[in-house]
Amino acid sequence: MSIKTYRKIFADYQQGYLSAFSIFRQPLPQKSEVILATEDYSKLQDCVAKALKGQVMTLLLVEQATSNKSLIVNSLAQQSKKAICVVDCVQLNNKYIGETEKNLARIIADAHTHDWILFFDEADALFGKRTKLTANHEHYANQEVSYLFKLFNQHAGLYVLACDEANLCKTLKQRVSYSLRPLPSSVPSPLA
């Protein structure tokens, strides 16, 4: 998702020291509501409440439409009264060994220092399945997920990961606090 999409829903925008992330403050009131199943609204509120109490919370947005992702991010910012740090995982992924992990550690430490909510957009670029997984590939993917959650556990807060179902690795699915899926097109929104 492009940064332009998020700039439309926040009054204050700042580019980070890496091109892979941006900070958004002051969410604007939205003309439309987040479209989620009824139980997912309570998951969203519970996630924010626990994160505000100092717990590590990870929220996985699976197969969400771009417009709904931006509304969810806006809603999280409004409920928590915190800035959102949007991390473009495609840009963060570095070809040099160790650079991606170093940048992740730096961003997560800064998020803790500045009390940001971290939103990893297109998280499957970092933590998804690579190719046809052999034992070695799966092991490497699991190491990255383990490293990410180790960093999360060092700094309490709310971490949001958005990705596609097809690209999710099993380890990531097992380690998130909550998972939000889009409504099937045949199911009416609870807000309608």
Protein backbone atom coordinates (compact mmCIF):
# COMPACT_ATOMS: atom_id res chain seq x y z
CA MET A 1 0.00 0.00 0.00
CA SER A 2 1.35 3.41 -0.80
CA ILE A 3 2.15 6.08 1.75
CA LYS A 4 -0.33 8.37 -0.05
CA THR A 5 -3.18 6.20 1.23
CA TYR A 6 -2.15 6.77 4.85
CA ARG A 7 -1.46 10.47 4.31
CA LYS A 8 -5.15 10.92 3.53
CA ILE A 9 -6.22 9.69 6.98
CA PHE A 10 -3.69 11.49 9.22
CA ALA A 11 -3.12 15.22 9.75
CA ASP A 12 0.60 14.89 10.53
CA TYR A 13 3.10 12.89 8.50
CA GLN A 14 6.86 12.48 8.87
CA GLN A 15 9.26 10.39 6.80
CA GLY A 16 11.50 8.15 8.92
CA TYR A 17 15.30 8.03 8.79
CA LEU A 18 14.93 4.95 6.57
CA SER A 19 12.82 5.15 3.42
CA ALA A 20 11.07 1.99 4.60
CA PHE A 21 9.00 3.70 7.30
CA SER A 22 6.90 6.76 8.03
CA ILE A 23 5.30 8.14 11.17
CA PHE A 24 1.67 9.26 11.20
CA ARG A 25 0.09 11.31 13.98
CA GLN A 26 -3.31 12.90 14.55
CA PRO A 27 -5.77 10.56 12.84
CA LEU A 28 -8.52 12.34 10.93
CA PRO A 29 -12.19 11.48 11.46
CA GLN A 30 -13.29 8.92 8.89
CA LYS A 31 -16.34 9.08 6.64
CA SER A 32 -16.71 5.30 6.65
CA GLU A 33 -16.36 2.62 9.31
CA VAL A 34 -14.00 -0.34 9.54
CA ILE A 35 -15.72 -3.39 8.06
CA LEU A 36 -15.16 -6.36 10.36
CA ALA A 37 -17.14 -9.22 11.83
CA THR A 38 -18.71 -8.42 15.21
CA GLU A 39 -16.22 -10.59 17.13
CA ASP A 40 -13.33 -8.86 15.34
CA TYR A 41 -14.42 -5.46 16.69
CA SER A 42 -14.06 -6.81 20.22
CA LYS A 43 -10.67 -8.33 19.31
CA LEU A 44 -9.52 -4.93 18.07
CA GLN A 45 -10.65 -3.16 21.25
CA ASP A 46 -9.19 -5.88 23.49
CA CYS A 47 -5.88 -5.70 21.66
CA VAL A 48 -5.62 -1.92 22.16
CA ALA A 49 -6.67 -2.15 25.83
CA LYS A 50 -4.07 -4.81 26.63
CA ALA A 51 -1.32 -2.94 24.75
CA LEU A 52 -2.12 0.23 26.70
CA LYS A 53 -1.68 -1.79 29.91
CA GLY A 54 1.86 -2.68 28.85
CA GLN A 55 1.38 -6.09 27.28
CA VAL A 56 2.95 -7.17 24.00
CA MET A 57 0.11 -7.53 21.50
CA THR A 58 0.38 -8.63 17.88
CA LEU A 59 -2.51 -8.18 15.50
CA LEU A 60 -2.51 -9.95 12.15
CA LEU A 61 -4.58 -8.45 9.32
CA VAL A 62 -5.14 -11.21 6.79
CA GLU A 63 -6.29 -10.44 3.23
CA GLN A 64 -7.66 -7.03 4.20
CA ALA A 65 -8.49 -4.57 1.42
CA THR A 66 -6.28 -1.49 1.24
CA SER A 67 -9.12 0.80 2.31
CA ASN A 68 -10.00 -1.40 5.28
CA LYS A 69 -6.33 -1.64 6.38
CA SER A 70 -6.08 2.15 6.43
CA LEU A 71 -9.34 2.41 8.40
CA ILE A 72 -8.11 -0.18 10.93
CA VAL A 73 -4.82 1.72 11.35
CA ASN A 74 -6.73 4.97 11.79
CA SER A 75 -9.04 3.33 14.35
CA LEU A 76 -6.06 1.97 16.32
CA ALA A 77 -4.49 5.44 16.41
CA GLN A 78 -7.74 7.02 17.57
CA GLN A 79 -8.41 4.41 20.27
CA SER A 80 -4.86 4.39 21.64
CA LYS A 81 -4.07 8.09 21.11
CA LYS A 82 -0.67 7.03 19.73
CA ALA A 83 1.26 7.67 16.56
CA ILE A 84 1.47 4.91 13.97
CA CYS A 85 4.77 3.92 12.41
CA VAL A 86 4.04 2.33 9.04
CA VAL A 87 6.84 0.01 7.92
CA ASP A 88 6.93 -0.99 4.26
CA CYS A 89 8.39 -4.49 4.58
CA VAL A 90 9.18 -4.75 0.88
CA GLN A 91 11.52 -1.75 1.16
CA LEU A 92 12.90 -2.84 4.53
CA ASN A 93 14.00 -6.22 3.20
CA ASN A 94 17.72 -5.89 2.44
CA LYS A 95 19.87 -8.10 0.27
CA TYR A 96 22.85 -7.84 2.63
CA ILE A 97 23.05 -10.37 5.44
CA GLY A 98 22.03 -8.94 8.79
CA GLU A 99 20.90 -5.51 7.51
CA THR A 100 17.18 -6.30 7.62
CA GLU A 101 17.43 -7.55 11.20
CA LYS A 102 19.53 -4.54 12.24
CA ASN A 103 16.97 -2.13 10.75
CA LEU A 104 14.11 -4.03 12.40
CA ALA A 105 15.81 -3.83 15.79
CA ARG A 106 16.38 -0.10 15.35
CA ILE A 107 12.78 0.61 14.31
CA ILE A 108 11.33 -1.46 17.16
CA ALA A 109 13.59 0.25 19.72
CA ASP A 110 12.54 3.66 18.37
CA ALA A 111 8.89 2.62 18.51
CA HIS A 112 9.34 1.76 22.18
CA THR A 113 11.16 5.03 22.90
CA HIS A 114 8.57 7.20 21.13
CA ASP A 115 5.56 5.05 22.09
CA TRP A 116 4.47 4.27 18.50
CA ILE A 117 2.23 1.50 17.26
CA LEU A 118 4.17 -0.43 14.61
CA PHE A 119 2.29 -1.43 11.47
CA PHE A 120 4.18 -3.83 9.18
CA ASP A 121 2.52 -3.50 5.79
CA GLU A 122 3.07 -6.42 3.42
CA ALA A 123 4.65 -8.37 6.27
CA ASP A 124 4.76 -11.48 4.14
CA ALA A 125 7.76 -9.92 2.33
CA LEU A 126 9.74 -10.47 5.54
CA PHE A 127 7.99 -13.30 7.31
CA GLY A 128 6.11 -15.22 4.64
CA LYS A 129 6.88 -18.39 2.77
CA ARG A 130 9.79 -18.04 0.38
CA THR A 131 9.32 -20.66 -2.32
CA LYS A 132 8.59 -24.33 -2.19
CA LEU A 133 9.84 -24.77 1.32
CA THR A 134 12.51 -27.30 1.96
CA ALA A 135 13.52 -28.01 5.52
CA ASN A 136 16.30 -25.37 5.24
CA HIS A 137 13.99 -22.66 3.88
CA GLU A 138 11.34 -23.32 6.50
CA HIS A 139 13.99 -23.23 9.21
CA TYR A 140 15.23 -19.84 7.94
CA ALA A 141 11.70 -18.41 7.74
CA ASN A 142 10.99 -19.65 11.28
CA GLN A 143 14.22 -18.02 12.51
CA GLU A 144 13.10 -14.64 11.14
CA VAL A 145 9.69 -14.95 12.78
CA SER A 146 11.33 -16.01 16.07
CA TYR A 147 13.73 -13.06 15.87
CA LEU A 148 10.86 -10.64 15.24
CA PHE A 149 8.86 -11.92 18.21
CA LYS A 150 11.97 -11.84 20.40
CA LEU A 151 12.27 -8.13 19.56
CA PHE A 152 8.56 -7.61 20.20
CA ASN A 153 8.82 -9.23 23.63
CA GLN A 154 11.67 -6.91 24.60
CA HIS A 155 9.44 -3.86 24.05
CA ALA A 156 5.79 -3.92 25.15
CA GLY A 157 3.33 -2.41 22.73
CA LEU A 158 1.03 -3.03 19.80
CA TYR A 159 2.40 -4.57 16.60
CA VAL A 160 0.20 -4.95 13.54
CA LEU A 161 1.17 -7.17 10.61
CA ALA A 162 -0.73 -7.15 7.30
CA CYS A 163 -0.26 -9.98 4.82
CA ASP A 164 -1.88 -12.41 2.41
CA GLU A 165 -3.16 -15.79 3.59
CA ALA A 166 -1.29 -17.71 0.91
CA ASN A 167 2.07 -16.32 2.03
CA LEU A 168 1.73 -16.87 5.77
CA CYS A 169 4.20 -19.21 7.36
CA LYS A 170 2.86 -21.55 10.02
CA THR A 171 5.07 -20.11 12.75
CA LEU A 172 3.72 -16.60 12.26
CA LYS A 173 0.11 -17.78 12.46
CA GLN A 174 0.82 -19.49 15.78
CA ARG A 175 2.53 -16.55 17.44
CA VAL A 176 0.08 -13.67 16.92
CA SER A 177 -2.32 -12.54 19.64
CA TYR A 178 -5.27 -11.87 17.33
CA SER A 179 -6.06 -12.40 13.68
CA LEU A 180 -8.59 -10.30 11.73
CA ARG A 181 -9.97 -11.63 8.47
CA PRO A 182 -12.20 -9.82 6.00
CA LEU A 183 -15.90 -10.52 5.89
CA PRO A 184 -16.97 -12.89 3.14
CA SER A 185 -18.72 -10.89 0.42
CA SER A 186 -22.00 -12.73 1.11
CA VAL A 187 -22.05 -11.64 4.79
CA PRO A 188 -23.51 -8.17 5.48
CA SER A 189 -21.50 -5.81 7.65
CA PRO A 190 -22.69 -5.60 11.28
CA LEU A 191 -22.84 -1.83 10.79
CA ALA A 192 -25.34 -2.04 7.92
